[in-house]
Amino acid sequence: MKNEKTIAKLYPTRHLTVSRKPGSIDTTSLMLAGRWLEEAGFEMGAIVRLEVWKDRIVICKTDQVWVEEERVITRRKRVHKLSKG
């Protein structure tokens, strides 16, 4: 993990509340949503990796995306993003 002091923040620190997952009695949930996600490089279909420690979660974008296969029944699969060029 890179030193946090060397990474420029794009947006101010956000504070969220860990809540109960809708429809559940005992499952916790944390919702991230906003236009800032795409602006920060997390476009729809991106696959992310979660690194989890005690009291800390780091979300990192991977080089994989979900793509739709052309079939009668549509299925999703992870693929490596092709480089442009």
Protein backbone atom coordinates (compact mmCIF):
# COMPACT_ATOMS: atom_id res chain seq x y z
CA MET A 1 0.00 0.00 0.00
CA LYS A 2 1.33 3.43 -0.92
CA ASN A 3 2.05 5.95 1.79
CA GLU A 4 -1.17 7.93 2.22
CA LYS A 5 0.75 11.21 2.54
CA THR A 6 2.14 10.81 -1.01
CA ILE A 7 -1.29 10.29 -2.60
CA ALA A 8 -3.10 13.48 -3.61
CA LYS A 9 -6.71 13.53 -2.47
CA LEU A 10 -9.20 14.32 -5.22
CA TYR A 11 -12.08 14.99 -2.87
CA PRO A 12 -12.55 15.93 0.75
CA THR A 13 -12.83 13.20 3.38
CA ARG A 14 -16.33 11.73 3.56
CA HIS A 15 -18.09 10.36 6.62
CA LEU A 16 -20.56 7.50 6.18
CA THR A 17 -22.65 5.48 8.60
CA VAL A 18 -22.43 1.70 8.76
CA SER A 19 -26.04 0.58 8.80
CA ARG A 20 -28.18 -2.53 8.52
CA LYS A 21 -28.46 -4.15 5.10
CA PRO A 22 -32.01 -3.58 3.77
CA GLY A 23 -34.17 -6.64 4.46
CA SER A 24 -31.73 -8.06 7.00
CA ILE A 25 -31.81 -8.17 10.77
CA ASP A 26 -28.11 -8.63 11.53
CA THR A 27 -26.06 -7.90 8.38
CA THR A 28 -24.17 -4.61 8.26
CA SER A 29 -23.93 -2.51 5.13
CA LEU A 30 -21.94 0.45 3.82
CA MET A 31 -23.20 2.28 0.71
CA LEU A 32 -20.93 4.27 -1.59
CA ALA A 33 -22.69 6.30 -4.26
CA GLY A 34 -22.20 9.54 -6.11
CA ARG A 35 -20.92 11.08 -9.32
CA TRP A 36 -17.55 11.49 -7.61
CA LEU A 37 -16.97 7.71 -7.96
CA GLU A 38 -16.78 7.87 -11.77
CA GLU A 39 -14.84 11.13 -11.66
CA ALA A 40 -12.32 9.34 -9.42
CA GLY A 41 -11.94 6.55 -12.01
CA PHE A 42 -14.51 4.00 -10.80
CA GLU A 43 -16.79 3.77 -13.84
CA MET A 44 -19.80 1.43 -14.01
CA GLY A 45 -18.71 -2.13 -14.71
CA ALA A 46 -15.28 -1.70 -13.10
CA ILE A 47 -14.17 -4.51 -10.81
CA VAL A 48 -12.57 -3.44 -7.56
CA ARG A 49 -10.42 -5.20 -4.97
CA LEU A 50 -11.08 -4.67 -1.26
CA GLU A 51 -8.16 -4.83 1.13
CA VAL A 52 -9.52 -5.28 4.65
CA TRP A 53 -7.73 -4.80 7.96
CA LYS A 54 -9.00 -4.22 11.46
CA ASP A 55 -10.73 -0.79 11.32
CA ARG A 56 -9.66 -0.07 7.71
CA ILE A 57 -10.91 -0.91 4.19
CA VAL A 58 -9.04 0.15 1.04
CA ILE A 59 -10.82 -0.02 -2.34
CA CYS A 60 -8.59 -0.40 -5.42
CA LYS A 61 -9.72 -0.49 -9.05
CA THR A 62 -8.48 -3.51 -11.02
CA ASP A 63 -7.78 -3.80 -14.75
CA GLN A 64 -10.84 -6.03 -15.18
CA VAL A 65 -14.40 -5.11 -16.19
CA TRP A 66 -17.71 -6.94 -16.60
CA VAL A 67 -18.75 -7.51 -20.20
CA GLU A 68 -21.96 -8.95 -21.59
CA GLU A 69 -21.70 -12.09 -23.70
CA GLU A 70 -23.99 -12.35 -26.70
CA ARG A 71 -26.20 -15.36 -25.94
CA VAL A 72 -29.87 -16.13 -25.57
CA ILE A 73 -29.33 -15.98 -21.82
CA THR A 74 -26.99 -13.12 -21.02
CA ARG A 75 -24.15 -13.99 -18.66
CA ARG A 76 -21.48 -11.78 -17.20
CA LYS A 77 -17.82 -12.66 -16.94
CA ARG A 78 -14.68 -10.89 -15.82
CA VAL A 79 -12.18 -10.04 -18.52
CA HIS A 80 -8.97 -8.06 -18.67
CA LYS A 81 -9.46 -4.66 -20.25
CA LEU A 82 -7.81 -4.49 -23.68
CA SER A 83 -5.23 -1.75 -24.07
CA LYS A 84 -6.12 0.92 -26.63
CA GLY A 85 -3.71 1.30 -29.47
